[in-house]
Amino acid sequence: MLKAYVTNLGKYNEGELCGEYLELPAKKEDLQALFARISIDGVLYEEYFITDYDTDIVGLCRHMGEYESLDELNYFANMLAKLDEGELVKFEAAIEYGEYTSDVQQLINLVQNLDCYNFNPDVTNEEELGIFYADMMELPPIPESLENYIDFEAYGRDMSINDGGVFTKNGYIKESGDRFIEHYTGQHVPDDYRIFAYPDTPDKMPMKQQLDMYKSMAESQATTDSPTQVRHERA
């Protein structure tokens, strides 16, 4: 659902692109192993940045930057993993709606506040919205001979203006009137989602673990081709 291409900042400044995709959600051990493979050891190289994101959620990549916290990204990815298919479609529409999308902190809160939006995946244009609202009014059936004289499109246009709603590629979305609650303030990622940790230093590892680590690093250097720095997004 979400991948971040984590790059060694020190080596990048030295003219070498050394990085690898981290698939999220992840565990601390996954990140430690990745850091070891791209030479971020907490001693010679401590800093990273993110050169690319890959996700199935249309529109999401443009709201995440190069210097995001990996703990926050992991928290966000865990929140996304808890959504069902319908909620994911609604979340994608909420991103297109454009509120609470300026950074990962807001995106985390957006995931947890989807009830603040009414979403209709069957309404994609003003005419369909006009028909939807006419049906909601529970009026007597309109005679077929009069249907052509009713401008549902104009009615739907007026209703969308009154709603402040948006037609997205997934459907029609508007605010529900529920209060948006800031569950996450950016001060502290819950411990269950924190993954940032440098690799254990070799002198603290058992000999077999040291040999395995160096073997993994050597194989990675020999076989890994770094992707271009192009932002990917699948529709």
C-alpha atoms as a PDB file:
ATOM      1  CA  MET A   1       0.000   0.000   0.000  1.00  0.00           C
ATOM      2  CA  LEU A   2       2.858   2.406   0.793  1.00  0.00           C
ATOM      3  CA  LYS A   3       6.575   2.282   0.105  1.00  0.00           C
ATOM      4  CA  ALA A   4       9.229   4.917   0.798  1.00  0.00           C
ATOM      5  CA  TYR A   5      12.612   4.941  -0.920  1.00  0.00           C
ATOM      6  CA  VAL A   6      14.988   5.664   1.961  1.00  0.00           C
ATOM      7  CA  THR A   7      18.297   7.200   0.843  1.00  0.00           C
ATOM      8  CA  ASN A   8      21.587   7.693   2.695  1.00  0.00           C
ATOM      9  CA  LEU A   9      21.936  11.505   2.810  1.00  0.00           C
ATOM     10  CA  GLY A  10      25.665  11.497   3.532  1.00  0.00           C
ATOM     11  CA  LYS A  11      26.480   9.268   0.577  1.00  0.00           C
ATOM     12  CA  TYR A  12      24.127  11.299  -1.623  1.00  0.00           C
ATOM     13  CA  ASN A  13      26.101  14.436  -0.759  1.00  0.00           C
ATOM     14  CA  GLU A  14      29.248  12.517  -1.714  1.00  0.00           C
ATOM     15  CA  GLY A  15      27.767  11.820  -5.140  1.00  0.00           C
ATOM     16  CA  GLU A  16      26.423   8.304  -4.578  1.00  0.00           C
ATOM     17  CA  LEU A  17      22.742   7.349  -4.620  1.00  0.00           C
ATOM     18  CA  CYS A  18      22.524   4.629  -1.984  1.00  0.00           C
ATOM     19  CA  GLY A  19      18.996   3.677  -0.968  1.00  0.00           C
ATOM     20  CA  GLU A  20      16.258   1.098  -0.920  1.00  0.00           C
ATOM     21  CA  TYR A  21      12.477   0.878  -0.684  1.00  0.00           C
ATOM     22  CA  LEU A  22      10.989   0.341   2.772  1.00  0.00           C
ATOM     23  CA  GLU A  23       7.601  -1.333   2.612  1.00  0.00           C
ATOM     24  CA  LEU A  24       5.236   0.075   5.208  1.00  0.00           C
ATOM     25  CA  PRO A  25       3.921  -0.845   7.723  1.00  0.00           C
ATOM     26  CA  ALA A  26       7.272  -2.159   8.937  1.00  0.00           C
ATOM     27  CA  LYS A  27       8.947  -3.363  12.122  1.00  0.00           C
ATOM     28  CA  LYS A  28      12.010  -1.892  13.784  1.00  0.00           C
ATOM     29  CA  GLU A  29      14.072  -4.882  12.656  1.00  0.00           C
ATOM     30  CA  ASP A  30      13.054  -4.256   9.022  1.00  0.00           C
ATOM     31  CA  LEU A  31      14.367  -0.697   9.188  1.00  0.00           C
ATOM     32  CA  GLN A  32      17.570  -1.713  10.981  1.00  0.00           C
ATOM     33  CA  ALA A  33      18.290  -4.262   8.252  1.00  0.00           C
ATOM     34  CA  LEU A  34      17.594  -1.670   5.533  1.00  0.00           C
ATOM     35  CA  PHE A  35      19.842   0.897   7.246  1.00  0.00           C
ATOM     36  CA  ALA A  36      22.619  -1.697   7.398  1.00  0.00           C
ATOM     37  CA  ARG A  37      22.282  -2.409   3.672  1.00  0.00           C
ATOM     38  CA  ILE A  38      22.506   1.298   2.732  1.00  0.00           C
ATOM     39  CA  SER A  39      25.328   2.019   5.198  1.00  0.00           C
ATOM     40  CA  ILE A  40      23.403   4.162   7.687  1.00  0.00           C
ATOM     41  CA  ASP A  41      25.124   3.075  10.877  1.00  0.00           C
ATOM     42  CA  GLY A  42      24.502   5.954  13.286  1.00  0.00           C
ATOM     43  CA  VAL A  43      28.231   6.734  13.334  1.00  0.00           C
ATOM     44  CA  LEU A  44      29.688   7.606   9.920  1.00  0.00           C
ATOM     45  CA  TYR A  45      26.267   8.046   8.339  1.00  0.00           C
ATOM     46  CA  GLU A  46      23.271   9.067  10.416  1.00  0.00           C
ATOM     47  CA  GLU A  47      20.885  10.977   8.162  1.00  0.00           C
ATOM     48  CA  TYR A  48      18.430   9.843   5.508  1.00  0.00           C
ATOM     49  CA  PHE A  49      15.922  11.409   3.170  1.00  0.00           C
ATOM     50  CA  ILE A  50      13.180   9.978   0.981  1.00  0.00           C
ATOM     51  CA  THR A  51      13.625  10.268  -2.773  1.00  0.00           C
ATOM     52  CA  ASP A  52      10.464   8.463  -3.866  1.00  0.00           C
ATOM     53  CA  TYR A  53       7.109   7.084  -2.745  1.00  0.00           C
ATOM     54  CA  ASP A  54       5.071   4.281  -4.275  1.00  0.00           C
ATOM     55  CA  THR A  55       1.388   3.802  -3.417  1.00  0.00           C
ATOM     56  CA  ASP A  56      -1.909   2.625  -4.872  1.00  0.00           C
ATOM     57  CA  ILE A  57      -3.735   5.628  -3.390  1.00  0.00           C
ATOM     58  CA  VAL A  58      -4.107   8.226  -6.126  1.00  0.00           C
ATOM     59  CA  GLY A  59      -3.039  11.724  -5.104  1.00  0.00           C
ATOM     60  CA  LEU A  60      -1.286  10.698  -1.903  1.00  0.00           C
ATOM     61  CA  CYS A  61       2.358  11.016  -2.986  1.00  0.00           C
ATOM     62  CA  ARG A  62       2.226  14.759  -3.554  1.00  0.00           C
ATOM     63  CA  HIS A  63       1.364  15.331   0.116  1.00  0.00           C
ATOM     64  CA  MET A  64       4.479  13.632   1.527  1.00  0.00           C
ATOM     65  CA  GLY A  65       7.943  15.159   1.508  1.00  0.00           C
ATOM     66  CA  GLU A  66      11.603  14.216   1.440  1.00  0.00           C
ATOM     67  CA  TYR A  67      12.266  14.564   5.155  1.00  0.00           C
ATOM     68  CA  GLU A  68       9.304  12.800   6.712  1.00  0.00           C
ATOM     69  CA  SER A  69       9.710  10.931   9.980  1.00  0.00           C
ATOM     70  CA  LEU A  70       9.826   7.187   9.370  1.00  0.00           C
ATOM     71  CA  ASP A  71       7.998   6.669  12.665  1.00  0.00           C
ATOM     72  CA  GLU A  72       5.167   8.944  11.469  1.00  0.00           C
ATOM     73  CA  LEU A  73       5.056   7.253   8.069  1.00  0.00           C
ATOM     74  CA  ASN A  74       4.823   3.877   9.778  1.00  0.00           C
ATOM     75  CA  TYR A  75       2.020   5.136  12.024  1.00  0.00           C
ATOM     76  CA  PHE A  76       0.202   6.450   8.948  1.00  0.00           C
ATOM     77  CA  ALA A  77       0.674   3.181   7.051  1.00  0.00           C
ATOM     78  CA  ASN A  78      -0.726   1.238  10.011  1.00  0.00           C
ATOM     79  CA  MET A  79      -3.793   3.497  10.028  1.00  0.00           C
ATOM     80  CA  LEU A  80      -4.298   2.887   6.303  1.00  0.00           C
ATOM     81  CA  ALA A  81      -3.980  -0.869   6.798  1.00  0.00           C
ATOM     82  CA  LYS A  82      -6.995  -0.799   9.132  1.00  0.00           C
ATOM     83  CA  LEU A  83      -9.317   0.676   6.481  1.00  0.00           C
ATOM     84  CA  ASP A  84     -11.585  -1.559   4.453  1.00  0.00           C
ATOM     85  CA  GLU A  85     -11.966  -1.145   0.682  1.00  0.00           C
ATOM     86  CA  GLY A  86     -14.881   1.284   0.933  1.00  0.00           C
ATOM     87  CA  GLU A  87     -13.070   3.421   3.493  1.00  0.00           C
ATOM     88  CA  LEU A  88      -9.980   3.546   1.290  1.00  0.00           C
ATOM     89  CA  VAL A  89     -12.073   4.823  -1.626  1.00  0.00           C
ATOM     90  CA  LYS A  90     -13.569   7.458   0.667  1.00  0.00           C
ATOM     91  CA  PHE A  91     -10.106   8.409   1.953  1.00  0.00           C
ATOM     92  CA  GLU A  92      -8.886   8.864  -1.621  1.00  0.00           C
ATOM     93  CA  ALA A  93     -11.880  11.154  -2.265  1.00  0.00           C
ATOM     94  CA  ALA A  94     -11.105  13.066   0.945  1.00  0.00           C
ATOM     95  CA  ILE A  95      -7.553  13.654  -0.308  1.00  0.00           C
ATOM     96  CA  GLU A  96      -8.990  15.102  -3.520  1.00  0.00           C
ATOM     97  CA  TYR A  97     -11.375  17.231  -1.432  1.00  0.00           C
ATOM     98  CA  GLY A  98      -8.200  18.860  -0.197  1.00  0.00           C
ATOM     99  CA  GLU A  99      -8.552  19.509   3.530  1.00  0.00           C
ATOM    100  CA  TYR A 100      -6.129  18.179   6.171  1.00  0.00           C
ATOM    101  CA  THR A 101      -3.603  17.003   3.593  1.00  0.00           C
ATOM    102  CA  SER A 102      -0.662  19.387   4.059  1.00  0.00           C
ATOM    103  CA  ASP A 103       1.597  16.890   5.849  1.00  0.00           C
ATOM    104  CA  VAL A 104       1.712  13.365   7.273  1.00  0.00           C
ATOM    105  CA  GLN A 105       0.430  14.539  10.663  1.00  0.00           C
ATOM    106  CA  GLN A 106      -2.759  15.850   9.039  1.00  0.00           C
ATOM    107  CA  LEU A 107      -3.102  12.731   6.885  1.00  0.00           C
ATOM    108  CA  ILE A 108      -2.966  10.568  10.028  1.00  0.00           C
ATOM    109  CA  ASN A 109      -5.799  12.612  11.493  1.00  0.00           C
ATOM    110  CA  LEU A 110      -7.730  12.534   8.225  1.00  0.00           C
ATOM    111  CA  VAL A 111      -7.731   8.717   8.255  1.00  0.00           C
ATOM    112  CA  GLN A 112      -9.267   8.819  11.734  1.00  0.00           C
ATOM    113  CA  ASN A 113     -11.902  11.437  10.830  1.00  0.00           C
ATOM    114  CA  LEU A 114     -13.599  10.011   7.755  1.00  0.00           C
ATOM    115  CA  ASP A 115     -16.959  10.372   9.527  1.00  0.00           C
ATOM    116  CA  CYS A 116     -16.549  14.111   8.998  1.00  0.00           C
ATOM    117  CA  TYR A 117     -17.451  13.573   5.338  1.00  0.00           C
ATOM    118  CA  ASN A 118     -20.511  12.301   3.504  1.00  0.00           C
ATOM    119  CA  PHE A 119     -19.493  10.352   0.424  1.00  0.00           C
ATOM    120  CA  ASN A 120     -21.632   9.006  -2.413  1.00  0.00           C
ATOM    121  CA  PRO A 121     -19.693   6.873  -4.920  1.00  0.00           C
ATOM    122  CA  ASP A 122     -22.731   6.679  -7.245  1.00  0.00           C
ATOM    123  CA  VAL A 123     -22.840  10.450  -7.846  1.00  0.00           C
ATOM    124  CA  THR A 124     -20.211  11.695 -10.295  1.00  0.00           C
ATOM    125  CA  ASN A 125     -21.749  14.824 -11.850  1.00  0.00           C
ATOM    126  CA  GLU A 126     -24.271  17.616 -11.257  1.00  0.00           C
ATOM    127  CA  GLU A 127     -27.163  15.884 -13.018  1.00  0.00           C
ATOM    128  CA  GLU A 128     -26.755  12.733 -10.920  1.00  0.00           C
ATOM    129  CA  LEU A 129     -26.567  14.890  -7.789  1.00  0.00           C
ATOM    130  CA  GLY A 130     -29.791  16.660  -8.774  1.00  0.00           C
ATOM    131  CA  ILE A 131     -31.568  13.341  -9.259  1.00  0.00           C
ATOM    132  CA  PHE A 132     -30.150  12.073  -5.944  1.00  0.00           C
ATOM    133  CA  TYR A 133     -31.489  15.061  -4.008  1.00  0.00           C
ATOM    134  CA  ALA A 134     -34.859  14.878  -5.791  1.00  0.00           C
ATOM    135  CA  ASP A 135     -35.144  11.230  -4.715  1.00  0.00           C
ATOM    136  CA  MET A 136     -34.192  12.151  -1.140  1.00  0.00           C
ATOM    137  CA  MET A 137     -37.072  14.632  -1.003  1.00  0.00           C
ATOM    138  CA  GLU A 138     -39.463  11.682  -1.493  1.00  0.00           C
ATOM    139  CA  LEU A 139     -41.600  13.569  -3.981  1.00  0.00           C
ATOM    140  CA  PRO A 140     -44.343  11.756  -5.896  1.00  0.00           C
ATOM    141  CA  PRO A 141     -43.016  10.016  -8.998  1.00  0.00           C
ATOM    142  CA  ILE A 142     -42.378  12.482 -11.813  1.00  0.00           C
ATOM    143  CA  PRO A 143     -44.444  11.661 -14.907  1.00  0.00           C
ATOM    144  CA  GLU A 144     -42.274  10.554 -17.780  1.00  0.00           C
ATOM    145  CA  SER A 145     -43.778  13.265 -19.955  1.00  0.00           C
ATOM    146  CA  LEU A 146     -42.380  15.944 -17.585  1.00  0.00           C
ATOM    147  CA  GLU A 147     -38.908  14.562 -16.949  1.00  0.00           C
ATOM    148  CA  ASN A 148     -37.409  16.421 -19.915  1.00  0.00           C
ATOM    149  CA  TYR A 149     -38.660  19.719 -18.499  1.00  0.00           C
ATOM    150  CA  ILE A 150     -36.840  19.358 -15.177  1.00  0.00           C
ATOM    151  CA  ASP A 151     -33.250  20.597 -15.167  1.00  0.00           C
ATOM    152  CA  PHE A 152     -31.644  18.148 -12.746  1.00  0.00           C
ATOM    153  CA  GLU A 153     -28.194  19.383 -13.747  1.00  0.00           C
ATOM    154  CA  ALA A 154     -28.952  22.970 -12.665  1.00  0.00           C
ATOM    155  CA  TYR A 155     -30.530  21.692  -9.461  1.00  0.00           C
ATOM    156  CA  GLY A 156     -27.482  19.554  -8.731  1.00  0.00           C
ATOM    157  CA  ARG A 157     -25.171  22.487  -9.459  1.00  0.00           C
ATOM    158  CA  ASP A 158     -27.017  24.645  -6.936  1.00  0.00           C
ATOM    159  CA  MET A 159     -26.952  21.872  -4.347  1.00  0.00           C
ATOM    160  CA  SER A 160     -23.220  21.275  -4.764  1.00  0.00           C
ATOM    161  CA  ILE A 161     -22.595  25.001  -4.258  1.00  0.00           C
ATOM    162  CA  ASN A 162     -24.757  24.964  -1.126  1.00  0.00           C
ATOM    163  CA  ASP A 163     -22.984  21.832   0.126  1.00  0.00           C
ATOM    164  CA  GLY A 164     -19.478  23.031  -0.663  1.00  0.00           C
ATOM    165  CA  GLY A 165     -19.117  19.554  -2.131  1.00  0.00           C
ATOM    166  CA  VAL A 166     -16.638  18.216  -4.672  1.00  0.00           C
ATOM    167  CA  PHE A 167     -17.041  15.733  -7.513  1.00  0.00           C
ATOM    168  CA  THR A 168     -14.035  13.424  -7.362  1.00  0.00           C
ATOM    169  CA  LYS A 169     -13.091  10.539  -9.590  1.00  0.00           C
ATOM    170  CA  ASN A 170     -14.538   8.226  -6.917  1.00  0.00           C
ATOM    171  CA  GLY A 171     -17.800  10.079  -6.312  1.00  0.00           C
ATOM    172  CA  TYR A 172     -19.314  13.090  -4.572  1.00  0.00           C
ATOM    173  CA  ILE A 173     -17.955  14.196  -1.183  1.00  0.00           C
ATOM    174  CA  LYS A 174     -18.962  16.939   1.219  1.00  0.00           C
ATOM    175  CA  GLU A 175     -18.538  17.745   4.895  1.00  0.00           C
ATOM    176  CA  SER A 176     -20.947  15.925   7.208  1.00  0.00           C
ATOM    177  CA  GLY A 177     -20.945  18.546   9.940  1.00  0.00           C
ATOM    178  CA  ASP A 178     -19.180  16.319  12.491  1.00  0.00           C
ATOM    179  CA  ARG A 179     -16.316  17.961  14.371  1.00  0.00           C
ATOM    180  CA  PHE A 180     -12.823  17.115  13.111  1.00  0.00           C
ATOM    181  CA  ILE A 181     -10.842  15.770  16.071  1.00  0.00           C
ATOM    182  CA  GLU A 182      -7.058  16.021  16.177  1.00  0.00           C
ATOM    183  CA  HIS A 183      -6.208  12.610  17.600  1.00  0.00           C
ATOM    184  CA  TYR A 184      -2.507  12.949  16.771  1.00  0.00           C
ATOM    185  CA  THR A 185      -0.745  16.228  17.591  1.00  0.00           C
ATOM    186  CA  GLY A 186       2.672  15.318  16.198  1.00  0.00           C
ATOM    187  CA  GLN A 187       4.292  15.303  19.628  1.00  0.00           C
ATOM    188  CA  HIS A 188       4.687  11.576  20.119  1.00  0.00           C
ATOM    189  CA  VAL A 189       4.142   8.631  17.817  1.00  0.00           C
ATOM    190  CA  PRO A 190       2.584   5.781  19.845  1.00  0.00           C
ATOM    191  CA  ASP A 191       5.204   3.261  20.904  1.00  0.00           C
ATOM    192  CA  ASP A 192       3.583   0.421  18.939  1.00  0.00           C
ATOM    193  CA  TYR A 193       4.376   2.229  15.687  1.00  0.00           C
ATOM    194  CA  ARG A 194       7.884   3.529  16.399  1.00  0.00           C
ATOM    195  CA  ILE A 195      10.509   1.807  14.233  1.00  0.00           C
ATOM    196  CA  PHE A 196      13.468   4.196  13.987  1.00  0.00           C
ATOM    197  CA  ALA A 197      16.656   2.514  15.210  1.00  0.00           C
ATOM    198  CA  TYR A 198      20.193   2.303  13.868  1.00  0.00           C
ATOM    199  CA  PRO A 199      21.660  -1.155  13.261  1.00  0.00           C
ATOM    200  CA  ASP A 200      23.358  -2.837  16.183  1.00  0.00           C
ATOM    201  CA  THR A 201      27.099  -2.175  16.015  1.00  0.00           C
ATOM    202  CA  PRO A 202      29.153  -5.230  15.024  1.00  0.00           C
ATOM    203  CA  ASP A 203      31.066  -5.384  18.317  1.00  0.00           C
ATOM    204  CA  LYS A 204      27.764  -6.014  20.121  1.00  0.00           C
ATOM    205  CA  MET A 205      26.648  -8.779  17.758  1.00  0.00           C
ATOM    206  CA  PRO A 206      27.338 -12.503  17.953  1.00  0.00           C
ATOM    207  CA  MET A 207      29.927 -13.581  15.385  1.00  0.00           C
ATOM    208  CA  LYS A 208      27.409 -15.446  13.208  1.00  0.00           C
ATOM    209  CA  GLN A 209      25.154 -12.365  13.110  1.00  0.00           C
ATOM    210  CA  GLN A 210      28.129 -10.201  12.115  1.00  0.00           C
ATOM    211  CA  LEU A 211      28.993 -12.537   9.249  1.00  0.00           C
ATOM    212  CA  ASP A 212      25.356 -12.661   8.089  1.00  0.00           C
ATOM    213  CA  MET A 213      25.135  -8.866   8.177  1.00  0.00           C
ATOM    214  CA  TYR A 214      28.292  -8.346   6.131  1.00  0.00           C
ATOM    215  CA  LYS A 215      27.221 -11.036   3.661  1.00  0.00           C
ATOM    216  CA  SER A 216      23.814  -9.358   3.220  1.00  0.00           C
ATOM    217  CA  MET A 217      25.438  -5.962   2.718  1.00  0.00           C
ATOM    218  CA  ALA A 218      27.862  -7.360   0.124  1.00  0.00           C
ATOM    219  CA  GLU A 219      25.085  -9.118  -1.811  1.00  0.00           C
ATOM    220  CA  SER A 220      22.950  -5.963  -1.736  1.00  0.00           C
ATOM    221  CA  GLN A 221      25.773  -3.808  -3.095  1.00  0.00           C
ATOM    222  CA  ALA A 222      26.370  -6.309  -5.898  1.00  0.00           C
ATOM    223  CA  THR A 223      22.799  -6.811  -7.039  1.00  0.00           C
ATOM    224  CA  THR A 224      20.711  -3.736  -6.168  1.00  0.00           C
ATOM    225  CA  ASP A 225      19.989  -1.251  -8.932  1.00  0.00           C
ATOM    226  CA  SER A 226      18.786   2.099  -7.587  1.00  0.00           C
ATOM    227  CA  PRO A 227      15.553   3.400  -9.156  1.00  0.00           C
ATOM    228  CA  THR A 228      15.364   6.791 -10.744  1.00  0.00           C
ATOM    229  CA  GLN A 229      14.093   9.637  -8.611  1.00  0.00           C
ATOM    230  CA  VAL A 230      10.657   9.695 -10.167  1.00  0.00           C
ATOM    231  CA  ARG A 231       7.511   9.855  -8.059  1.00  0.00           C
ATOM    232  CA  HIS A 232       5.324   6.824  -8.821  1.00  0.00           C
ATOM    233  CA  GLU A 233       1.584   6.651  -8.444  1.00  0.00           C
ATOM    234  CA  ARG A 234      -0.721   3.955  -9.668  1.00  0.00           C
ATOM    235  CA  ALA A 235      -4.267   4.855 -10.576  1.00  0.00           C
END
